[in-house]
Amino acid sequence: MNKKKILIVDDEPNIVMSLEYAFKKNDFEVFIARDGSEAIEILKSKTPDVVLLDIMMPNIDGYQTLEHIRSNASTKNIKVIFLTAKNKTSDVEKGLAMGVDKYLTKPFSIKKIMKEINELIT
């Protein structure tokens, strides 16, 4: 069986490390990007099943990254989950309006993220 693939896009190393560890333990192939521009580069050569995307990042933020993913024929069907500290209703509505598949807020539980992702891609 093919491994499920995930791209984690976040500029906080400790968050990236804990997520990477959890997903590898759950038999995912993990790609890491520290910001939107790195994510866009990775997506040129890799097609993950899901992108776990922070909103507030340097260079290209999560909103711009999502726009890029959704406007590109080869990536537009990838599932995208925002994982962010931005938890105002207006932030959530903006994300959903832009086409994000799920909107999860920090602090997060790995268990909940796993559950949400498995529901999304199985």
PDB file of N, CA and C in Angstrom:
ATOM      1  N   MET A   1       0.829  -1.203   0.000  1.00  0.00           N
ATOM      2  CA  MET A   1       0.000   0.000   0.000  1.00  0.00           C
ATOM      3  C   MET A   1       0.865   1.255   0.000  1.00  0.00           C
ATOM      4  N   ASN A   2       0.449   2.220  -0.762  1.00  0.00           N
ATOM      5  CA  ASN A   2       1.215   3.461  -0.798  1.00  0.00           C
ATOM      6  C   ASN A   2       1.093   4.226   0.506  1.00  0.00           C
ATOM      7  N   LYS A   3       2.200   4.827   0.896  1.00  0.00           N
ATOM      8  CA  LYS A   3       2.166   5.688   2.075  1.00  0.00           C
ATOM      9  C   LYS A   3       1.375   6.929   1.751  1.00  0.00           C
ATOM     10  N   LYS A   4       0.659   7.453   2.750  1.00  0.00           N
ATOM     11  CA  LYS A   4       0.008   8.738   2.563  1.00  0.00           C
ATOM     12  C   LYS A   4       1.081   9.808   2.699  1.00  0.00           C
ATOM     13  N   LYS A   5       0.924  10.871   1.911  1.00  0.00           N
ATOM     14  CA  LYS A   5       1.936  11.929   1.914  1.00  0.00           C
ATOM     15  C   LYS A   5       1.346  13.213   2.473  1.00  0.00           C
ATOM     16  N   ILE A   6       2.154  13.902   3.296  1.00  0.00           N
ATOM     17  CA  ILE A   6       1.710  15.168   3.855  1.00  0.00           C
ATOM     18  C   ILE A   6       2.811  16.207   3.714  1.00  0.00           C
ATOM     19  N   LEU A   7       2.402  17.417   3.399  1.00  0.00           N
ATOM     20  CA  LEU A   7       3.332  18.546   3.380  1.00  0.00           C
ATOM     21  C   LEU A   7       2.968  19.440   4.559  1.00  0.00           C
ATOM     22  N   ILE A   8       3.930  19.620   5.473  1.00  0.00           N
ATOM     23  CA  ILE A   8       3.723  20.480   6.637  1.00  0.00           C
ATOM     24  C   ILE A   8       4.389  21.822   6.352  1.00  0.00           C
ATOM     25  N   VAL A   9       3.605  22.888   6.407  1.00  0.00           N
ATOM     26  CA  VAL A   9       4.127  24.224   6.107  1.00  0.00           C
ATOM     27  C   VAL A   9       3.951  25.099   7.343  1.00  0.00           C
ATOM     28  N   ASP A  10       5.067  25.347   8.050  1.00  0.00           N
ATOM     29  CA  ASP A  10       5.003  26.148   9.272  1.00  0.00           C
ATOM     30  C   ASP A  10       6.388  26.691   9.557  1.00  0.00           C
ATOM     31  N   ASP A  11       6.457  27.892  10.111  1.00  0.00           N
ATOM     32  CA  ASP A  11       7.765  28.490  10.376  1.00  0.00           C
ATOM     33  C   ASP A  11       8.209  28.305  11.829  1.00  0.00           C
ATOM     34  N   GLU A  12       7.454  27.540  12.618  1.00  0.00           N
ATOM     35  CA  GLU A  12       7.855  27.295  14.005  1.00  0.00           C
ATOM     36  C   GLU A  12       8.457  25.899  14.123  1.00  0.00           C
ATOM     37  N   PRO A  13       9.788  25.830  14.324  1.00  0.00           N
ATOM     38  CA  PRO A  13      10.490  24.536  14.300  1.00  0.00           C
ATOM     39  C   PRO A  13       9.916  23.502  15.268  1.00  0.00           C
ATOM     40  N   ASN A  14       9.525  23.931  16.489  1.00  0.00           N
ATOM     41  CA  ASN A  14       9.034  22.931  17.444  1.00  0.00           C
ATOM     42  C   ASN A  14       7.705  22.330  17.003  1.00  0.00           C
ATOM     43  N   ILE A  15       6.868  23.121  16.347  1.00  0.00           N
ATOM     44  CA  ILE A  15       5.605  22.613  15.825  1.00  0.00           C
ATOM     45  C   ILE A  15       5.886  21.626  14.689  1.00  0.00           C
ATOM     46  N   VAL A  16       6.780  22.024  13.790  1.00  0.00           N
ATOM     47  CA  VAL A  16       7.136  21.162  12.663  1.00  0.00           C
ATOM     48  C   VAL A  16       7.686  19.826  13.174  1.00  0.00           C
ATOM     49  N   MET A  17       8.561  19.884  14.178  1.00  0.00           N
ATOM     50  CA  MET A  17       9.169  18.662  14.688  1.00  0.00           C
ATOM     51  C   MET A  17       8.136  17.727  15.304  1.00  0.00           C
ATOM     52  N   SER A  18       7.228  18.264  16.114  1.00  0.00           N
ATOM     53  CA  SER A  18       6.247  17.378  16.751  1.00  0.00           C
ATOM     54  C   SER A  18       5.289  16.786  15.721  1.00  0.00           C
ATOM     55  N   LEU A  19       4.894  17.591  14.722  1.00  0.00           N
ATOM     56  CA  LEU A  19       4.008  17.081  13.674  1.00  0.00           C
ATOM     57  C   LEU A  19       4.717  16.031  12.819  1.00  0.00           C
ATOM     58  N   GLU A  20       5.953  16.336  12.444  1.00  0.00           N
ATOM     59  CA  GLU A  20       6.716  15.409  11.604  1.00  0.00           C
ATOM     60  C   GLU A  20       6.849  14.056  12.306  1.00  0.00           C
ATOM     61  N   TYR A  21       7.196  14.097  13.580  1.00  0.00           N
ATOM     62  CA  TYR A  21       7.350  12.872  14.359  1.00  0.00           C
ATOM     63  C   TYR A  21       6.040  12.084  14.373  1.00  0.00           C
ATOM     64  N   ALA A  22       4.939  12.757  14.661  1.00  0.00           N
ATOM     65  CA  ALA A  22       3.639  12.087  14.756  1.00  0.00           C
ATOM     66  C   ALA A  22       3.220  11.462  13.430  1.00  0.00           C
ATOM     67  N   PHE A  23       3.427  12.189  12.343  1.00  0.00           N
ATOM     68  CA  PHE A  23       3.001  11.659  11.044  1.00  0.00           C
ATOM     69  C   PHE A  23       3.884  10.494  10.597  1.00  0.00           C
ATOM     70  N   LYS A  24       5.189  10.598  10.845  1.00  0.00           N
ATOM     71  CA  LYS A  24       6.069   9.487  10.469  1.00  0.00           C
ATOM     72  C   LYS A  24       5.699   8.242  11.264  1.00  0.00           C
ATOM     73  N   LYS A  25       5.373   8.436  12.530  1.00  0.00           N
ATOM     74  CA  LYS A  25       4.969   7.321  13.379  1.00  0.00           C
ATOM     75  C   LYS A  25       3.682   6.681  12.847  1.00  0.00           C
ATOM     76  N   ASN A  26       2.840   7.492  12.227  1.00  0.00           N
ATOM     77  CA  ASN A  26       1.585   7.000  11.661  1.00  0.00           C
ATOM     78  C   ASN A  26       1.734   6.619  10.185  1.00  0.00           C
ATOM     79  N   ASP A  27       2.991   6.411   9.779  1.00  0.00           N
ATOM     80  CA  ASP A  27       3.284   5.874   8.452  1.00  0.00           C
ATOM     81  C   ASP A  27       2.973   6.815   7.294  1.00  0.00           C
ATOM     82  N   PHE A  28       3.162   8.102   7.522  1.00  0.00           N
ATOM     83  CA  PHE A  28       3.050   9.087   6.444  1.00  0.00           C
ATOM     84  C   PHE A  28       4.442   9.365   5.895  1.00  0.00           C
ATOM     85  N   GLU A  29       4.499   9.716   4.609  1.00  0.00           N
ATOM     86  CA  GLU A  29       5.707  10.309   4.058  1.00  0.00           C
ATOM     87  C   GLU A  29       5.563  11.811   4.280  1.00  0.00           C
ATOM     88  N   VAL A  30       6.578  12.431   4.893  1.00  0.00           N
ATOM     89  CA  VAL A  30       6.450  13.824   5.318  1.00  0.00           C
ATOM     90  C   VAL A  30       7.385  14.745   4.538  1.00  0.00           C
ATOM     91  N   PHE A  31       6.825  15.828   4.011  1.00  0.00           N
ATOM     92  CA  PHE A  31       7.626  16.896   3.412  1.00  0.00           C
ATOM     93  C   PHE A  31       7.468  18.125   4.295  1.00  0.00           C
ATOM     94  N   ILE A  32       8.539  18.919   4.388  1.00  0.00           N
ATOM     95  CA  ILE A  32       8.522  20.088   5.273  1.00  0.00           C
ATOM     96  C   ILE A  32       8.845  21.347   4.487  1.00  0.00           C
ATOM     97  N   ALA A  33       8.066  22.401   4.731  1.00  0.00           N
ATOM     98  CA  ALA A  33       8.394  23.718   4.184  1.00  0.00           C
ATOM     99  C   ALA A  33       8.291  24.726   5.320  1.00  0.00           C
ATOM    100  N   ARG A  34       9.204  25.691   5.330  1.00  0.00           N
ATOM    101  CA  ARG A  34       9.224  26.693   6.414  1.00  0.00           C
ATOM    102  C   ARG A  34       8.376  27.923   6.081  1.00  0.00           C
ATOM    103  N   ASP A  35       7.991  28.045   4.817  1.00  0.00           N
ATOM    104  CA  ASP A  35       7.122  29.169   4.434  1.00  0.00           C
ATOM    105  C   ASP A  35       6.452  28.830   3.106  1.00  0.00           C
ATOM    106  N   GLY A  36       5.606  29.738   2.647  1.00  0.00           N
ATOM    107  CA  GLY A  36       4.836  29.485   1.436  1.00  0.00           C
ATOM    108  C   GLY A  36       5.684  29.296   0.197  1.00  0.00           C
ATOM    109  N   SER A  37       6.778  30.056   0.082  1.00  0.00           N
ATOM    110  CA  SER A  37       7.586  29.922  -1.135  1.00  0.00           C
ATOM    111  C   SER A  37       8.250  28.548  -1.197  1.00  0.00           C
ATOM    112  N   GLU A  38       8.696  28.028  -0.047  1.00  0.00           N
ATOM    113  CA  GLU A  38       9.255  26.671  -0.015  1.00  0.00           C
ATOM    114  C   GLU A  38       8.175  25.649  -0.362  1.00  0.00           C
ATOM    115  N   ALA A  39       6.977  25.866   0.145  1.00  0.00           N
ATOM    116  CA  ALA A  39       5.865  24.938  -0.120  1.00  0.00           C
ATOM    117  C   ALA A  39       5.576  24.874  -1.618  1.00  0.00           C
ATOM    118  N   ILE A  40       5.539  26.038  -2.242  1.00  0.00           N
ATOM    119  CA  ILE A  40       5.248  26.110  -3.680  1.00  0.00           C
ATOM    120  C   ILE A  40       6.337  25.392  -4.479  1.00  0.00           C
ATOM    121  N   GLU A  41       7.596  25.538  -4.047  1.00  0.00           N
ATOM    122  CA  GLU A  41       8.708  24.826  -4.696  1.00  0.00           C
ATOM    123  C   GLU A  41       8.520  23.318  -4.586  1.00  0.00           C
ATOM    124  N   ILE A  42       8.211  22.846  -3.383  1.00  0.00           N
ATOM    125  CA  ILE A  42       8.042  21.410  -3.149  1.00  0.00           C
ATOM    126  C   ILE A  42       6.905  20.857  -4.005  1.00  0.00           C
ATOM    127  N   LEU A  43       5.825  21.639  -4.119  1.00  0.00           N
ATOM    128  CA  LEU A  43       4.652  21.177  -4.864  1.00  0.00           C
ATOM    129  C   LEU A  43       4.911  21.051  -6.369  1.00  0.00           C
ATOM    130  N   LYS A  44       6.023  21.626  -6.830  1.00  0.00           N
ATOM    131  CA  LYS A  44       6.369  21.470  -8.249  1.00  0.00           C
ATOM    132  C   LYS A  44       6.805  20.035  -8.542  1.00  0.00           C
ATOM    133  N   SER A  45       7.349  19.360  -7.530  1.00  0.00           N
ATOM    134  CA  SER A  45       7.862  18.005  -7.773  1.00  0.00           C
ATOM    135  C   SER A  45       7.155  16.918  -6.964  1.00  0.00           C
ATOM    136  N   LYS A  46       6.412  17.307  -5.941  1.00  0.00           N
ATOM    137  CA  LYS A  46       5.737  16.321  -5.088  1.00  0.00           C
ATOM    138  C   LYS A  46       4.237  16.602  -5.067  1.00  0.00           C
ATOM    139  N   THR A  47       3.456  15.531  -4.938  1.00  0.00           N
ATOM    140  CA  THR A  47       2.014  15.705  -4.807  1.00  0.00           C
ATOM    141  C   THR A  47       1.540  15.034  -3.524  1.00  0.00           C
ATOM    142  N   PRO A  48       1.500  15.794  -2.438  1.00  0.00           N
ATOM    143  CA  PRO A  48       1.026  15.204  -1.182  1.00  0.00           C
ATOM    144  C   PRO A  48      -0.494  14.978  -1.221  1.00  0.00           C
ATOM    145  N   ASP A  49      -0.975  14.109  -0.348  1.00  0.00           N
ATOM    146  CA  ASP A  49      -2.421  13.907  -0.220  1.00  0.00           C
ATOM    147  C   ASP A  49      -3.045  15.094   0.499  1.00  0.00           C
ATOM    148  N   VAL A  50      -2.261  15.675   1.396  1.00  0.00           N
ATOM    149  CA  VAL A  50      -2.786  16.779   2.196  1.00  0.00           C
ATOM    150  C   VAL A  50      -1.669  17.762   2.532  1.00  0.00           C
ATOM    151  N   VAL A  51      -2.039  19.048   2.598  1.00  0.00           N
ATOM    152  CA  VAL A  51      -1.101  20.099   3.012  1.00  0.00           C
ATOM    153  C   VAL A  51      -1.617  20.679   4.318  1.00  0.00           C
ATOM    154  N   LEU A  52      -0.768  20.650   5.333  1.00  0.00           N
ATOM    155  CA  LEU A  52      -1.094  21.242   6.629  1.00  0.00           C
ATOM    156  C   LEU A  52      -0.407  22.595   6.650  1.00  0.00           C
ATOM    157  N   LEU A  53      -1.201  23.660   6.633  1.00  0.00           N
ATOM    158  CA  LEU A  53      -0.684  24.981   6.288  1.00  0.00           C
ATOM    159  C   LEU A  53      -0.925  26.011   7.387  1.00  0.00           C
ATOM    160  N   ASP A  54       0.154  26.633   7.836  1.00  0.00           N
ATOM    161  CA  ASP A  54       0.039  27.744   8.777  1.00  0.00           C
ATOM    162  C   ASP A  54      -0.331  28.990   7.973  1.00  0.00           C
ATOM    163  N   ILE A  55      -0.977  29.966   8.612  1.00  0.00           N
ATOM    164  CA  ILE A  55      -1.319  31.197   7.888  1.00  0.00           C
ATOM    165  C   ILE A  55      -0.228  32.250   8.037  1.00  0.00           C
ATOM    166  N   MET A  56       0.202  32.499   9.278  1.00  0.00           N
ATOM    167  CA  MET A  56       1.159  33.582   9.512  1.00  0.00           C
ATOM    168  C   MET A  56       2.590  33.069   9.350  1.00  0.00           C
ATOM    169  N   MET A  57       3.179  33.387   8.188  1.00  0.00           N
ATOM    170  CA  MET A  57       4.548  32.970   7.887  1.00  0.00           C
ATOM    171  C   MET A  57       5.254  34.083   7.121  1.00  0.00           C
ATOM    172  N   PRO A  58       6.602  34.083   7.162  1.00  0.00           N
ATOM    173  CA  PRO A  58       7.337  35.083   6.373  1.00  0.00           C
ATOM    174  C   PRO A  58       7.205  34.830   4.875  1.00  0.00           C
ATOM    175  N   ASN A  59       7.596  35.808   4.085  1.00  0.00           N
ATOM    176  CA  ASN A  59       7.583  35.729   2.614  1.00  0.00           C
ATOM    177  C   ASN A  59       6.179  35.561   2.054  1.00  0.00           C
ATOM    178  N   ILE A  60       5.763  34.320   1.866  1.00  0.00           N
ATOM    179  CA  ILE A  60       4.433  34.062   1.314  1.00  0.00           C
ATOM    180  C   ILE A  60       3.600  33.423   2.417  1.00  0.00           C
ATOM    181  N   ASP A  61       2.497  34.068   2.798  1.00  0.00           N
ATOM    182  CA  ASP A  61       1.714  33.530   3.910  1.00  0.00           C
ATOM    183  C   ASP A  61       0.783  32.409   3.459  1.00  0.00           C
ATOM    184  N   GLY A  62       0.034  31.868   4.412  1.00  0.00           N
ATOM    185  CA  GLY A  62      -0.827  30.727   4.131  1.00  0.00           C
ATOM    186  C   GLY A  62      -1.930  31.029   3.135  1.00  0.00           C
ATOM    187  N   TYR A  63      -2.487  32.251   3.212  1.00  0.00           N
ATOM    188  CA  TYR A  63      -3.555  32.617   2.276  1.00  0.00           C
ATOM    189  C   TYR A  63      -3.028  32.604   0.831  1.00  0.00           C
ATOM    190  N   GLN A  64      -1.862  33.212   0.639  1.00  0.00           N
ATOM    191  CA  GLN A  64      -1.272  33.268  -0.704  1.00  0.00           C
ATOM    192  C   GLN A  64      -0.887  31.870  -1.194  1.00  0.00           C
ATOM    193  N   THR A  65      -0.405  31.048  -0.259  1.00  0.00           N
ATOM    194  CA  THR A  65      -0.032  29.680  -0.620  1.00  0.00           C
ATOM    195  C   THR A  65      -1.272  28.900  -1.051  1.00  0.00           C
ATOM    196  N   LEU A  66      -2.349  29.055  -0.298  1.00  0.00           N
ATOM    197  CA  LEU A  66      -3.604  28.377  -0.642  1.00  0.00           C
ATOM    198  C   LEU A  66      -4.100  28.828  -2.019  1.00  0.00           C
ATOM    199  N   GLU A  67      -4.024  30.124  -2.273  1.00  0.00           N
ATOM    200  CA  GLU A  67      -4.436  30.655  -3.573  1.00  0.00           C
ATOM    201  C   GLU A  67      -3.644  30.003  -4.694  1.00  0.00           C
ATOM    202  N   HIS A  68      -2.341  29.881  -4.465  1.00  0.00           N
ATOM    203  CA  HIS A  68      -1.469  29.261  -5.464  1.00  0.00           C
ATOM    204  C   HIS A  68      -1.884  27.799  -5.699  1.00  0.00           C
ATOM    205  N   ILE A  69      -2.111  27.066  -4.611  1.00  0.00           N
ATOM    206  CA  ILE A  69      -2.489  25.653  -4.728  1.00  0.00           C
ATOM    207  C   ILE A  69      -3.806  25.523  -5.494  1.00  0.00           C
ATOM    208  N   ARG A  70      -4.786  26.346  -5.151  1.00  0.00           N
ATOM    209  CA  ARG A  70      -6.113  26.238  -5.759  1.00  0.00           C
ATOM    210  C   ARG A  70      -6.141  26.728  -7.213  1.00  0.00           C
ATOM    211  N   SER A  71      -5.211  27.596  -7.589  1.00  0.00           N
ATOM    212  CA  SER A  71      -5.251  28.145  -8.953  1.00  0.00           C
ATOM    213  C   SER A  71      -4.393  27.333  -9.927  1.00  0.00           C
ATOM    214  N   ASN A  72      -3.745  26.288  -9.425  1.00  0.00           N
ATOM    215  CA  ASN A  72      -2.833  25.520 -10.249  1.00  0.00           C
ATOM    216  C   ASN A  72      -3.457  24.155 -10.569  1.00  0.00           C
ATOM    217  N   ALA A  73      -3.555  23.815 -11.849  1.00  0.00           N
ATOM    218  CA  ALA A  73      -4.238  22.585 -12.267  1.00  0.00           C
ATOM    219  C   ALA A  73      -3.683  21.325 -11.598  1.00  0.00           C
ATOM    220  N   SER A  74      -2.369  21.277 -11.401  1.00  0.00           N
ATOM    221  CA  SER A  74      -1.780  20.050 -10.862  1.00  0.00           C
ATOM    222  C   SER A  74      -1.933  19.923  -9.344  1.00  0.00           C
ATOM    223  N   THR A  75      -2.296  21.019  -8.663  1.00  0.00           N
ATOM    224  CA  THR A  75      -2.395  20.955  -7.197  1.00  0.00           C
ATOM    225  C   THR A  75      -3.785  21.283  -6.667  1.00  0.00           C
ATOM    226  N   LYS A  76      -4.694  21.718  -7.551  1.00  0.00           N
ATOM    227  CA  LYS A  76      -5.950  22.266  -7.043  1.00  0.00           C
ATOM    228  C   LYS A  76      -6.827  21.262  -6.283  1.00  0.00           C
ATOM    229  N   ASN A  77      -6.605  19.955  -6.504  1.00  0.00           N
ATOM    230  CA  ASN A  77      -7.420  18.959  -5.799  1.00  0.00           C
ATOM    231  C   ASN A  77      -6.789  18.418  -4.517  1.00  0.00           C
ATOM    232  N   ILE A  78      -5.603  18.915  -4.180  1.00  0.00           N
ATOM    233  CA  ILE A  78      -4.955  18.489  -2.938  1.00  0.00           C
ATOM    234  C   ILE A  78      -5.768  19.032  -1.762  1.00  0.00           C
ATOM    235  N   LYS A  79      -5.950  18.202  -0.745  1.00  0.00           N
ATOM    236  CA  LYS A  79      -6.661  18.657   0.455  1.00  0.00           C
ATOM    237  C   LYS A  79      -5.755  19.599   1.232  1.00  0.00           C
ATOM    238  N   VAL A  80      -6.317  20.723   1.674  1.00  0.00           N
ATOM    239  CA  VAL A  80      -5.532  21.698   2.431  1.00  0.00           C
ATOM    240  C   VAL A  80      -6.222  21.968   3.761  1.00  0.00           C
ATOM    241  N   ILE A  81      -5.438  21.890   4.835  1.00  0.00           N
ATOM    242  CA  ILE A  81      -5.943  22.199   6.172  1.00  0.00           C
ATOM    243  C   ILE A  81      -5.145  23.369   6.721  1.00  0.00           C
ATOM    244  N   PHE A  82      -5.841  24.423   7.124  1.00  0.00           N
ATOM    245  CA  PHE A  82      -5.156  25.502   7.837  1.00  0.00           C
ATOM    246  C   PHE A  82      -4.964  25.049   9.284  1.00  0.00           C
ATOM    247  N   LEU A  83      -3.750  25.215   9.790  1.00  0.00           N
ATOM    248  CA  LEU A  83      -3.455  24.980  11.196  1.00  0.00           C
ATOM    249  C   LEU A  83      -2.821  26.270  11.683  1.00  0.00           C
ATOM    250  N   THR A  84      -3.579  27.052  12.452  1.00  0.00           N
ATOM    251  CA  THR A  84      -3.150  28.415  12.708  1.00  0.00           C
ATOM    252  C   THR A  84      -3.586  28.922  14.072  1.00  0.00           C
ATOM    253  N   ALA A  85      -2.901  29.942  14.542  1.00  0.00           N
ATOM    254  CA  ALA A  85      -3.295  30.589  15.791  1.00  0.00           C
ATOM    255  C   ALA A  85      -4.413  31.606  15.540  1.00  0.00           C
ATOM    256  N   LYS A  86      -4.664  31.916  14.268  1.00  0.00           N
ATOM    257  CA  LYS A  86      -5.722  32.883  13.939  1.00  0.00           C
ATOM    258  C   LYS A  86      -7.079  32.204  14.131  1.00  0.00           C
ATOM    259  N   ASN A  87      -7.774  32.560  15.227  1.00  0.00           N
ATOM    260  CA  ASN A  87      -8.980  31.808  15.543  1.00  0.00           C
ATOM    261  C   ASN A  87     -10.250  32.664  15.580  1.00  0.00           C
ATOM    262  N   LYS A  88     -10.175  33.862  15.037  1.00  0.00           N
ATOM    263  CA  LYS A  88     -11.382  34.686  14.972  1.00  0.00           C
ATOM    264  C   LYS A  88     -12.323  34.121  13.902  1.00  0.00           C
ATOM    265  N   THR A  89     -13.606  34.303  14.103  1.00  0.00           N
ATOM    266  CA  THR A  89     -14.593  33.812  13.138  1.00  0.00           C
ATOM    267  C   THR A  89     -14.297  34.342  11.746  1.00  0.00           C
ATOM    268  N   SER A  90     -13.887  35.615  11.650  1.00  0.00           N
ATOM    269  CA  SER A  90     -13.616  36.209  10.333  1.00  0.00           C
ATOM    270  C   SER A  90     -12.447  35.506   9.643  1.00  0.00           C
ATOM    271  N   ASP A  91     -11.446  35.066  10.422  1.00  0.00           N
ATOM    272  CA  ASP A  91     -10.305  34.335   9.852  1.00  0.00           C
ATOM    273  C   ASP A  91     -10.765  32.992   9.297  1.00  0.00           C
ATOM    274  N   VAL A  92     -11.584  32.299  10.102  1.00  0.00           N
ATOM    275  CA  VAL A  92     -12.084  30.984   9.689  1.00  0.00           C
ATOM    276  C   VAL A  92     -12.915  31.128   8.418  1.00  0.00           C
ATOM    277  N   GLU A  93     -13.810  32.131   8.412  1.00  0.00           N
ATOM    278  CA  GLU A  93     -14.667  32.349   7.239  1.00  0.00           C
ATOM    279  C   GLU A  93     -13.848  32.672   6.000  1.00  0.00           C
ATOM    280  N   LYS A  94     -12.805  33.491   6.172  1.00  0.00           N
ATOM    281  CA  LYS A  94     -11.948  33.837   5.038  1.00  0.00           C
ATOM    282  C   LYS A  94     -11.279  32.571   4.479  1.00  0.00           C
ATOM    283  N   GLY A  95     -10.742  31.753   5.365  1.00  0.00           N
ATOM    284  CA  GLY A  95     -10.083  30.515   4.937  1.00  0.00           C
ATOM    285  C   GLY A  95     -11.033  29.606   4.182  1.00  0.00           C
ATOM    286  N   LEU A  96     -12.229  29.406   4.731  1.00  0.00           N
ATOM    287  CA  LEU A  96     -13.200  28.523   4.092  1.00  0.00           C
ATOM    288  C   LEU A  96     -13.653  29.106   2.757  1.00  0.00           C
ATOM    289  N   ALA A  97     -13.829  30.419   2.719  1.00  0.00           N
ATOM    290  CA  ALA A  97     -14.241  31.077   1.470  1.00  0.00           C
ATOM    291  C   ALA A  97     -13.172  30.901   0.391  1.00  0.00           C
ATOM    292  N   MET A  98     -11.903  30.825   0.809  1.00  0.00           N
ATOM    293  CA  MET A  98     -10.808  30.677  -0.150  1.00  0.00           C
ATOM    294  C   MET A  98     -10.614  29.227  -0.599  1.00  0.00           C
ATOM    295  N   GLY A  99     -11.360  28.316   0.013  1.00  0.00           N
ATOM    296  CA  GLY A  99     -11.313  26.938  -0.451  1.00  0.00           C
ATOM    297  C   GLY A  99     -10.482  25.977   0.389  1.00  0.00           C
ATOM    298  N   VAL A 100     -10.191  26.350   1.643  1.00  0.00           N
ATOM    299  CA  VAL A 100      -9.477  25.413   2.509  1.00  0.00           C
ATOM    300  C   VAL A 100     -10.464  24.306   2.908  1.00  0.00           C
ATOM    301  N   ASP A 101      -9.960  23.075   3.058  1.00  0.00           N
ATOM    302  CA  ASP A 101     -10.847  21.948   3.356  1.00  0.00           C
ATOM    303  C   ASP A 101     -11.225  21.868   4.831  1.00  0.00           C
ATOM    304  N   LYS A 102     -10.278  22.217   5.693  1.00  0.00           N
ATOM    305  CA  LYS A 102     -10.560  22.255   7.127  1.00  0.00           C
ATOM    306  C   LYS A 102      -9.771  23.392   7.744  1.00  0.00           C
ATOM    307  N   TYR A 103     -10.281  23.885   8.887  1.00  0.00           N
ATOM    308  CA  TYR A 103      -9.625  24.990   9.571  1.00  0.00           C
ATOM    309  C   TYR A 103      -9.433  24.573  11.022  1.00  0.00           C
ATOM    310  N   LEU A 104      -8.193  24.304  11.419  1.00  0.00           N
ATOM    311  CA  LEU A 104      -7.891  23.887  12.789  1.00  0.00           C
ATOM    312  C   LEU A 104      -7.053  24.965  13.460  1.00  0.00           C
ATOM    313  N   THR A 105      -7.259  25.148  14.751  1.00  0.00           N
ATOM    314  CA  THR A 105      -6.532  26.218  15.440  1.00  0.00           C
ATOM    315  C   THR A 105      -5.512  25.668  16.429  1.00  0.00           C
ATOM    316  N   LYS A 106      -4.465  26.470  16.623  1.00  0.00           N
ATOM    317  CA  LYS A 106      -3.438  26.172  17.621  1.00  0.00           C
ATOM    318  C   LYS A 106      -3.900  26.792  18.942  1.00  0.00           C
ATOM    319  N   PRO A 107      -3.545  26.251  20.082  1.00  0.00           N
ATOM    320  CA  PRO A 107      -2.820  24.986  20.235  1.00  0.00           C
ATOM    321  C   PRO A 107      -3.691  23.824  19.771  1.00  0.00           C
ATOM    322  N   PHE A 108      -3.037  22.768  19.306  1.00  0.00           N
ATOM    323  CA  PHE A 108      -3.778  21.671  18.693  1.00  0.00           C
ATOM    324  C   PHE A 108      -3.460  20.364  19.404  1.00  0.00           C
ATOM    325  N   SER A 109      -4.279  19.373  19.177  1.00  0.00           N
ATOM    326  CA  SER A 109      -3.951  18.031  19.645  1.00  0.00           C
ATOM    327  C   SER A 109      -3.626  17.186  18.416  1.00  0.00           C
ATOM    328  N   ILE A 110      -2.504  16.494  18.485  1.00  0.00           N
ATOM    329  CA  ILE A 110      -2.055  15.643  17.377  1.00  0.00           C
ATOM    330  C   ILE A 110      -3.163  14.639  17.029  1.00  0.00           C
ATOM    331  N   LYS A 111      -3.796  14.122  18.062  1.00  0.00           N
ATOM    332  CA  LYS A 111      -4.843  13.122  17.873  1.00  0.00           C
ATOM    333  C   LYS A 111      -5.977  13.672  17.012  1.00  0.00           C
ATOM    334  N   LYS A 112      -6.369  14.910  17.316  1.00  0.00           N
ATOM    335  CA  LYS A 112      -7.464  15.535  16.563  1.00  0.00           C
ATOM    336  C   LYS A 112      -7.035  15.768  15.113  1.00  0.00           C
ATOM    337  N   ILE A 113      -5.808  16.232  14.907  1.00  0.00           N
ATOM    338  CA  ILE A 113      -5.316  16.465  13.551  1.00  0.00           C
ATOM    339  C   ILE A 113      -5.302  15.149  12.763  1.00  0.00           C
ATOM    340  N   MET A 114      -4.813  14.083  13.395  1.00  0.00           N
ATOM    341  CA  MET A 114      -4.784  12.764  12.725  1.00  0.00           C
ATOM    342  C   MET A 114      -6.196  12.353  12.300  1.00  0.00           C
ATOM    343  N   LYS A 115      -7.134  12.516  13.211  1.00  0.00           N
ATOM    344  CA  LYS A 115      -8.509  12.122  12.954  1.00  0.00           C
ATOM    345  C   LYS A 115      -9.055  12.924  11.781  1.00  0.00           C
ATOM    346  N   GLU A 116      -8.849  14.236  11.810  1.00  0.00           N
ATOM    347  CA  GLU A 116      -9.357  15.112  10.745  1.00  0.00           C
ATOM    348  C   GLU A 116      -8.736  14.740   9.392  1.00  0.00           C
ATOM    349  N   ILE A 117      -7.437  14.490   9.396  1.00  0.00           N
ATOM    350  CA  ILE A 117      -6.745  14.177   8.145  1.00  0.00           C
ATOM    351  C   ILE A 117      -7.200  12.821   7.606  1.00  0.00           C
ATOM    352  N   ASN A 118      -7.321  11.848   8.488  1.00  0.00           N
ATOM    353  CA  ASN A 118      -7.761  10.538   8.009  1.00  0.00           C
ATOM    354  C   ASN A 118      -9.178  10.582   7.465  1.00  0.00           C
ATOM    355  N   GLU A 119     -10.044  11.413   8.059  1.00  0.00           N
ATOM    356  CA  GLU A 119     -11.396  11.572   7.522  1.00  0.00           C
ATOM    357  C   GLU A 119     -11.352  12.210   6.141  1.00  0.00           C
ATOM    358  N   LEU A 120     -10.425  13.139   5.978  1.00  0.00           N
ATOM    359  CA  LEU A 120     -10.344  13.908   4.738  1.00  0.00           C
ATOM    360  C   LEU A 120      -9.805  13.082   3.576  1.00  0.00           C
ATOM    361  N   ILE A 121      -8.852  12.215   3.841  1.00  0.00           N
ATOM    362  CA  ILE A 121      -8.172  11.555   2.713  1.00  0.00           C
ATOM    363  C   ILE A 121      -8.417  10.056   2.590  1.00  0.00           C
ATOM    364  N   THR A 122      -9.360   9.510   3.360  1.00  0.00           N
ATOM    365  CA  THR A 122      -9.616   8.076   3.196  1.00  0.00           C
ATOM    366  C   THR A 122     -10.894   7.860   2.413  1.00  0.00           C
TER     367      THR A 122
END
